[in-house]
Amino acid sequence: MKLLVGLGNPGRQYARQRHNVGFRFVDCLAGKEALAFSSVPRFHAELAEWVCEDWKVLLVKPQTFMNRSGEAVGILARYYDLGTEDIIVVYDDLDLAPGKVRLRRGGGHGGHNGLRSLNQHLPDAGYTRVRLGIGRPPAGRDVTSWVLGNITAEEKAREAKVFEAILEVLPRILAGDLAGASNCIHLKLQET
């Protein structure tokens, strides 16, 4: 079993914010696979079950708000007796240009409060990260207002292409082939 966690803030008022790209990704996957999320209060999350090839995958949208995401993920990991190698986290990254994707296992939080919370509530930081670039704000614009700002129509179109590229290689990501998945994503995004 794998946990596929999208990071974001719950509530419609946050849905279009750059910070909520993780939620939008798992929502996109759920829509493509005709899955429905259910609220599960004991896990502080909305969950949907998906079967991908040989994997049972639990799609997770923590409802604890970004800065406390680790609480929900930690509870789920302990309940299902999963190691960090069974957790994949999709989130926004300021240090990547919009439309860029980076896959890696492990590492620090890089100032991202959602990752900081995960690192506090999991036994180690060895989970897989799917970093989705949102870029830095234009000169003179505050970082917080940028991250919490709504995506533009252009950003939404770019995001859809990124999601499509990731969805095509999701089985490889689940299997731990991050290098192969990264190459495929890069080639796919070069085509567009």
Protein backbone atom coordinates (compact mmCIF):
# COMPACT_ATOMS: atom_id res chain seq x y z
CA MET A 1 0.00 0.00 0.00
CA LYS A 2 1.08 3.56 -0.73
CA LEU A 3 -0.07 6.95 0.54
CA LEU A 4 -0.26 9.62 -2.16
CA VAL A 5 -0.56 12.87 -0.24
CA GLY A 6 -1.48 16.20 -1.79
CA LEU A 7 -0.61 19.14 0.43
CA GLY A 8 -2.94 22.11 0.70
CA ASN A 9 -5.40 23.98 2.84
CA PRO A 10 -9.01 22.79 3.15
CA GLY A 11 -11.84 25.07 2.10
CA ARG A 12 -13.07 26.52 -1.18
CA GLN A 13 -11.45 29.88 -0.47
CA TYR A 14 -8.01 28.21 -0.77
CA ALA A 15 -8.72 25.96 -3.76
CA ARG A 16 -7.10 28.16 -6.43
CA GLN A 17 -4.10 29.28 -4.40
CA ARG A 18 -0.61 28.34 -5.59
CA HIS A 19 -0.04 26.67 -2.22
CA ASN A 20 -2.85 24.18 -2.96
CA VAL A 21 -1.31 22.57 -6.03
CA GLY A 22 -0.98 19.27 -4.12
CA PHE A 23 -4.72 19.16 -3.45
CA ARG A 24 -5.44 20.02 -7.09
CA PHE A 25 -3.18 17.20 -8.27
CA VAL A 26 -4.90 14.48 -6.22
CA ASP A 27 -8.28 15.96 -7.21
CA CYS A 28 -7.21 15.69 -10.86
CA LEU A 29 -6.20 12.06 -10.39
CA ALA A 30 -9.46 11.29 -8.58
CA GLY A 31 -11.45 12.90 -11.40
CA LYS A 32 -9.57 10.95 -14.06
CA GLU A 33 -10.12 7.66 -12.23
CA ALA A 34 -13.73 8.43 -11.17
CA LEU A 35 -12.83 8.29 -7.47
CA ALA A 36 -14.68 10.12 -4.72
CA PHE A 37 -13.03 11.55 -1.62
CA SER A 38 -14.65 10.83 1.73
CA SER A 39 -14.09 12.79 4.91
CA VAL A 40 -12.57 10.55 7.60
CA PRO A 41 -12.43 12.63 10.81
CA ARG A 42 -10.39 10.12 12.82
CA PHE A 43 -7.56 10.56 10.29
CA HIS A 44 -8.11 14.34 9.92
CA ALA A 45 -8.19 13.81 6.16
CA GLU A 46 -10.23 13.30 3.05
CA LEU A 47 -9.38 9.92 1.51
CA ALA A 48 -9.98 8.07 -1.74
CA GLU A 49 -8.87 4.52 -2.57
CA TRP A 50 -7.29 3.74 -5.92
CA VAL A 51 -5.78 0.61 -7.43
CA CYS A 52 -2.90 1.24 -9.84
CA GLU A 53 -1.44 -1.89 -11.36
CA ASP A 54 -0.31 -3.91 -8.32
CA TRP A 55 -0.53 -1.00 -5.88
CA LYS A 56 -3.33 -0.10 -3.51
CA VAL A 57 -3.01 3.66 -3.19
CA LEU A 58 -4.72 5.86 -0.64
CA LEU A 59 -5.12 9.41 -1.94
CA VAL A 60 -4.87 11.81 0.99
CA LYS A 61 -5.88 15.44 1.45
CA PRO A 62 -5.00 16.38 5.05
CA GLN A 63 -7.69 18.61 6.59
CA THR A 64 -5.38 19.95 9.31
CA PHE A 65 -4.21 22.90 7.20
CA MET A 66 -0.80 23.01 5.54
CA ASN A 67 1.28 23.79 8.63
CA ARG A 68 -0.07 20.70 10.45
CA SER A 69 -0.19 18.26 7.52
CA GLY A 70 2.13 15.85 9.31
CA GLU A 71 -0.48 15.14 11.98
CA ALA A 72 -2.82 13.50 9.46
CA VAL A 73 -0.07 11.74 7.51
CA GLY A 74 1.57 10.46 10.69
CA ILE A 75 -1.70 8.98 11.97
CA LEU A 76 -2.34 7.25 8.63
CA ALA A 77 1.21 5.89 8.38
CA ARG A 78 0.98 4.41 11.88
CA TYR A 79 -2.52 3.01 11.34
CA TYR A 80 -1.54 1.23 8.12
CA ASP A 81 1.95 0.38 9.43
CA LEU A 82 3.66 2.12 6.50
CA GLY A 83 7.25 3.28 6.32
CA THR A 84 8.23 6.59 4.83
CA GLU A 85 9.28 4.73 1.66
CA ASP A 86 5.54 4.11 1.11
CA ILE A 87 4.61 7.80 1.19
CA ILE A 88 4.60 10.14 -1.81
CA VAL A 89 3.95 13.83 -1.18
CA VAL A 90 2.94 16.37 -3.87
CA TYR A 91 3.50 20.03 -3.01
CA ASP A 92 4.37 23.52 -4.24
CA ASP A 93 7.98 24.66 -4.53
CA LEU A 94 8.99 28.33 -4.72
CA ASP A 95 12.50 27.48 -5.90
CA LEU A 96 11.32 25.79 -9.09
CA ALA A 97 10.04 27.75 -12.06
CA PRO A 98 6.36 27.35 -12.88
CA GLY A 99 5.81 24.24 -14.97
CA LYS A 100 8.90 22.46 -13.62
CA VAL A 101 8.74 19.17 -11.70
CA ARG A 102 11.39 17.52 -9.54
CA LEU A 103 11.20 14.08 -7.97
CA ARG A 104 13.39 12.99 -5.09
CA ARG A 105 13.41 10.85 -2.00
CA GLY A 106 14.30 12.36 1.35
CA GLY A 107 15.78 15.71 2.26
CA GLY A 108 15.04 18.68 4.44
CA HIS A 109 11.95 20.85 4.50
CA GLY A 110 13.53 23.80 2.67
CA GLY A 111 11.37 26.23 4.63
CA HIS A 112 8.12 24.59 3.50
CA ASN A 113 5.86 24.39 6.55
CA GLY A 114 3.94 21.38 5.27
CA LEU A 115 7.17 19.39 4.92
CA ARG A 116 8.39 20.65 8.28
CA SER A 117 5.25 19.20 9.86
CA LEU A 118 5.68 15.89 8.00
CA ASN A 119 9.27 15.65 9.21
CA GLN A 120 8.07 16.17 12.79
CA HIS A 121 5.37 13.47 12.62
CA LEU A 122 7.11 10.74 10.62
CA PRO A 123 10.02 8.61 11.83
CA ASP A 124 12.31 10.00 9.10
CA ALA A 125 12.23 12.24 6.03
CA GLY A 126 12.65 9.38 3.54
CA TYR A 127 9.35 9.91 1.75
CA THR A 128 9.16 10.65 -1.98
CA ARG A 129 8.64 14.28 -2.93
CA VAL A 130 6.93 15.47 -6.08
CA ARG A 131 7.91 19.13 -6.18
CA LEU A 132 5.76 21.30 -8.43
CA GLY A 133 7.24 24.66 -9.31
CA ILE A 134 5.29 27.82 -8.60
CA GLY A 135 8.28 30.18 -8.96
CA ARG A 136 9.19 33.17 -6.87
CA PRO A 137 7.08 36.33 -6.84
CA PRO A 138 7.99 39.29 -9.04
CA ALA A 139 10.40 41.77 -7.46
CA GLY A 140 8.78 43.75 -4.68
CA ARG A 141 5.96 41.27 -4.09
CA ASP A 142 5.68 39.53 -0.74
CA VAL A 143 6.35 35.77 -0.78
CA THR A 144 3.38 34.95 1.47
CA SER A 145 0.89 36.85 -0.71
CA TRP A 146 2.37 35.12 -3.77
CA VAL A 147 2.08 31.60 -2.34
CA LEU A 148 -1.44 32.30 -1.06
CA GLY A 149 -2.43 34.09 -4.27
CA ASN A 150 -4.71 32.50 -6.84
CA ILE A 151 -3.24 30.97 -9.98
CA THR A 152 -3.76 32.79 -13.27
CA ALA A 153 -5.38 31.28 -16.37
CA GLU A 154 -1.91 30.82 -17.87
CA GLU A 155 -0.66 29.06 -14.73
CA LYS A 156 -3.75 26.83 -14.73
CA ALA A 157 -3.10 25.75 -18.34
CA ARG A 158 0.55 25.00 -17.54
CA GLU A 159 -0.48 23.11 -14.39
CA ALA A 160 -2.83 20.89 -16.44
CA LYS A 161 0.08 19.87 -18.70
CA VAL A 162 2.28 19.14 -15.68
CA PHE A 163 -0.45 17.02 -14.08
CA GLU A 164 -0.93 15.06 -17.32
CA ALA A 165 2.82 14.35 -17.54
CA ILE A 166 2.98 13.14 -13.93
CA LEU A 167 -0.15 11.00 -14.24
CA GLU A 168 1.39 9.16 -17.20
CA VAL A 169 4.36 8.03 -15.08
CA LEU A 170 2.64 7.59 -11.74
CA PRO A 171 3.12 3.79 -11.79
CA ARG A 172 6.88 4.34 -12.11
CA ILE A 173 6.83 6.78 -9.20
CA LEU A 174 4.89 4.28 -7.09
CA ALA A 175 7.49 1.62 -7.96
CA GLY A 176 10.32 3.94 -6.88
CA ASP A 177 11.76 4.55 -10.37
CA LEU A 178 12.20 8.28 -9.85
CA ALA A 179 14.97 8.69 -12.44
CA GLY A 180 12.93 7.01 -15.17
CA ALA A 181 9.80 8.94 -14.22
CA SER A 182 11.74 12.23 -14.18
CA ASN A 183 13.11 11.61 -17.67
CA CYS A 184 9.64 10.83 -19.04
CA ILE A 185 8.13 13.94 -17.41
CA HIS A 186 10.93 16.13 -18.76
CA LEU A 187 10.49 14.77 -22.30
CA LYS A 188 6.71 15.14 -22.15
CA LEU A 189 6.91 18.75 -20.96
CA GLN A 190 9.46 19.59 -23.68
CA GLU A 191 6.93 18.48 -26.29
CA THR A 192 4.36 21.04 -25.13
